[in-house]
Amino acid sequence: ERYDITDIARDSLRALAAATGESAFLSARRGDESVCLLREEGSFPIRSFVLYEGIRFPLGVASAGLAMLAFLPQEQIERYLETADLVPRWGAAHSADAVRRRIAETREGGYAVNPGLIVEGSWGMGAAVFDRSGQPAWALSLTGVESRFGPDRRPELGRLLLEHAHRISQRLR
């Protein structure tokens, strides 16, 4: 169930990086964490290095983990939020109620937004990729500097993320 999809996702990462100029990533869900598997650099000269291959974050912290968490069954989300104590390491913006609000926003828009909650000024957006059983097992994400993720650009970035995440999910079926 957790097979390597990096070869399937590589073309989408390249396309996302080329279309947006931002760095594009593939992350996988591993238990209660997201782990970054693959990175493709964009052409924009200023980059965010918050994400790199191998880094892990608790679900709900980075945009990829939030995208995957948001599309789990509600009872799984609640169990996770009851046991995950994100505030000591990640701050008040990661309280259970704050994460629930971002989950609601992610479900409404289809993609997750991390407005500089890990490192100030470093934004991320993510969209879930679903396995054959319809579970969010991976996510595509984009990261960059805050000025490149303004309200006028986010819908287009979100549309591109969702398009590529859907394409990969379809290929996996």
Protein backbone atom coordinates (compact mmCIF):
# COMPACT_ATOMS: atom_id res chain seq x y z
CA GLU A 1 0.00 0.00 0.00
CA ARG A 2 2.90 2.36 0.64
CA TYR A 3 4.83 1.66 -2.51
CA ASP A 4 7.18 4.17 -4.02
CA ILE A 5 5.40 6.57 -6.39
CA THR A 6 8.34 8.90 -7.01
CA ASP A 7 8.67 7.81 -10.65
CA ILE A 8 4.97 8.45 -11.25
CA ALA A 9 5.09 11.84 -9.49
CA ARG A 10 8.37 13.14 -10.96
CA ASP A 11 6.80 14.57 -14.14
CA SER A 12 4.16 16.39 -12.10
CA LEU A 13 6.81 17.91 -9.83
CA ARG A 14 8.77 19.11 -12.85
CA ALA A 15 5.62 20.57 -14.41
CA LEU A 16 4.62 22.32 -11.17
CA ALA A 17 8.10 23.80 -10.70
CA ALA A 18 8.23 24.94 -14.34
CA ALA A 19 4.73 26.46 -14.33
CA THR A 20 5.07 28.26 -11.00
CA GLY A 21 8.78 28.95 -10.52
CA GLU A 22 8.44 27.57 -6.96
CA SER A 23 10.01 24.46 -5.46
CA ALA A 24 7.72 21.43 -5.75
CA PHE A 25 7.66 18.41 -3.45
CA LEU A 26 6.22 14.94 -3.02
CA SER A 27 5.60 13.82 0.56
CA ALA A 28 4.23 10.56 1.92
CA ARG A 29 2.17 9.81 5.00
CA ARG A 30 4.02 7.57 7.44
CA GLY A 31 1.80 7.00 10.45
CA ASP A 32 1.22 10.38 12.07
CA GLU A 33 3.92 12.13 10.04
CA SER A 34 4.58 13.39 6.57
CA VAL A 35 8.00 12.70 5.10
CA CYS A 36 9.37 14.56 2.09
CA LEU A 37 10.44 12.11 -0.62
CA LEU A 38 11.26 14.25 -3.63
CA ARG A 39 12.09 17.90 -4.44
CA GLU A 40 12.15 19.76 -7.76
CA GLU A 41 13.58 23.28 -7.79
CA GLY A 42 11.70 26.09 -9.49
CA SER A 43 13.29 28.94 -11.43
CA PHE A 44 12.51 31.75 -8.97
CA PRO A 45 15.88 32.76 -7.48
CA ILE A 46 14.72 33.09 -3.86
CA ARG A 47 13.90 29.73 -2.29
CA SER A 48 12.58 28.39 0.96
CA PHE A 49 14.64 25.55 2.39
CA VAL A 50 12.17 24.51 5.07
CA LEU A 51 11.45 21.29 3.15
CA TYR A 52 14.09 18.89 1.91
CA GLU A 53 14.16 15.21 1.09
CA GLY A 54 13.92 13.14 4.26
CA ILE A 55 12.48 15.80 6.58
CA ARG A 56 9.50 14.73 8.68
CA PHE A 57 6.71 16.81 10.18
CA PRO A 58 3.74 15.78 12.29
CA LEU A 59 0.51 15.73 10.30
CA GLY A 60 -1.11 19.16 10.34
CA VAL A 61 2.15 21.13 10.54
CA ALA A 62 3.42 21.48 6.95
CA SER A 63 1.01 21.97 4.04
CA ALA A 64 1.52 18.41 2.73
CA GLY A 65 0.70 16.90 6.12
CA LEU A 66 -2.29 19.20 6.52
CA ALA A 67 -3.59 18.18 3.09
CA MET A 68 -3.35 14.49 3.98
CA LEU A 69 -4.81 14.97 7.48
CA ALA A 70 -7.78 16.96 6.15
CA PHE A 71 -9.00 14.09 3.97
CA LEU A 72 -8.74 11.30 6.53
CA PRO A 73 -12.01 10.07 8.06
CA GLN A 74 -13.22 12.47 10.76
CA GLU A 75 -12.83 9.91 13.56
CA GLN A 76 -9.15 9.40 12.63
CA ILE A 77 -8.60 13.16 12.63
CA GLU A 78 -10.17 13.51 16.08
CA ARG A 79 -8.12 10.61 17.50
CA TYR A 80 -4.97 12.20 16.15
CA LEU A 81 -5.78 15.66 17.48
CA GLU A 82 -6.58 14.23 20.92
CA THR A 83 -3.10 12.70 21.22
CA ALA A 84 -0.89 15.03 19.17
CA ASP A 85 0.45 17.87 21.27
CA LEU A 86 1.84 20.16 18.59
CA VAL A 87 1.86 23.42 20.56
CA PRO A 88 5.09 22.94 22.60
CA ARG A 89 7.23 22.50 19.46
CA TRP A 90 5.20 24.30 16.77
CA GLY A 91 3.39 27.07 18.65
CA ALA A 92 -0.17 28.15 19.40
CA ALA A 93 -1.03 28.23 15.68
CA HIS A 94 -0.93 24.41 15.93
CA SER A 95 -3.46 23.97 18.73
CA ALA A 96 -6.13 21.37 18.01
CA ASP A 97 -8.72 24.08 17.34
CA ALA A 98 -6.41 25.99 14.99
CA VAL A 99 -5.62 22.78 13.07
CA ARG A 100 -9.35 22.00 12.86
CA ARG A 101 -9.94 25.44 11.31
CA ARG A 102 -7.22 24.83 8.72
CA ILE A 103 -8.68 21.37 8.02
CA ALA A 104 -12.07 23.00 7.32
CA GLU A 105 -10.41 25.54 4.99
CA THR A 106 -8.51 22.75 3.24
CA ARG A 107 -11.66 20.71 2.71
CA GLU A 108 -13.49 23.75 1.39
CA GLY A 109 -10.80 24.77 -1.11
CA GLY A 110 -9.39 21.31 -1.81
CA TYR A 111 -5.82 22.35 -1.01
CA ALA A 112 -3.94 23.29 2.16
CA VAL A 113 -2.19 26.59 2.85
CA ASN A 114 0.59 27.08 5.39
CA PRO A 115 0.99 30.85 5.80
CA GLY A 116 4.50 30.91 7.25
CA LEU A 117 3.68 28.84 10.35
CA ILE A 118 6.92 26.84 10.35
CA VAL A 119 9.29 29.64 9.36
CA GLU A 120 8.04 33.21 9.12
CA GLY A 121 7.87 34.36 5.50
CA SER A 122 8.06 30.83 4.08
CA TRP A 123 4.70 29.74 2.69
CA GLY A 124 3.53 26.37 1.45
CA MET A 125 0.53 24.92 -0.29
CA GLY A 126 -0.35 21.23 -0.64
CA ALA A 127 -2.83 18.86 -2.25
CA ALA A 128 -3.48 15.26 -1.28
CA VAL A 129 -2.80 12.30 -3.55
CA PHE A 130 -5.07 9.34 -2.90
CA ASP A 131 -4.21 5.64 -2.98
CA ARG A 132 -6.32 2.93 -4.62
CA SER A 133 -8.61 2.72 -1.59
CA GLY A 134 -9.24 6.48 -1.61
CA GLN A 135 -7.04 7.30 1.38
CA PRO A 136 -4.71 10.35 1.36
CA ALA A 137 -1.33 8.64 1.28
CA TRP A 138 0.82 11.31 -0.37
CA ALA A 139 0.74 15.01 -1.14
CA LEU A 140 2.19 17.41 -3.63
CA SER A 141 3.28 20.79 -2.33
CA LEU A 142 4.85 24.07 -3.35
CA THR A 143 6.93 26.29 -1.11
CA GLY A 144 8.34 29.75 -1.50
CA VAL A 145 8.57 33.22 -0.08
CA GLU A 146 5.44 34.95 1.19
CA SER A 147 5.33 37.57 -1.58
CA ARG A 148 4.87 34.80 -4.17
CA PHE A 149 1.82 33.34 -2.39
CA GLY A 150 -0.45 36.37 -2.32
CA PRO A 151 -4.25 36.10 -2.44
CA ASP A 152 -4.28 36.85 -6.16
CA ARG A 153 -1.95 33.92 -6.96
CA ARG A 154 -3.08 31.24 -4.47
CA PRO A 155 -6.13 30.09 -6.49
CA GLU A 156 -3.97 29.40 -9.53
CA LEU A 157 -1.32 27.60 -7.47
CA GLY A 158 -4.08 25.58 -5.79
CA ARG A 159 -5.65 24.70 -9.15
CA LEU A 160 -2.30 23.44 -10.47
CA LEU A 161 -1.65 21.39 -7.32
CA LEU A 162 -5.11 19.83 -7.47
CA GLU A 163 -4.80 19.09 -11.19
CA HIS A 164 -1.51 17.24 -10.73
CA ALA A 165 -2.59 15.49 -7.51
CA HIS A 166 -5.73 14.27 -9.29
CA ARG A 167 -3.69 13.10 -12.28
CA ILE A 168 -1.38 11.04 -10.05
CA SER A 169 -4.31 9.63 -8.05
CA GLN A 170 -5.96 8.55 -11.32
CA ARG A 171 -2.76 6.86 -12.50
CA LEU A 172 -2.54 4.95 -9.22
CA ARG A 173 -6.04 3.56 -9.71
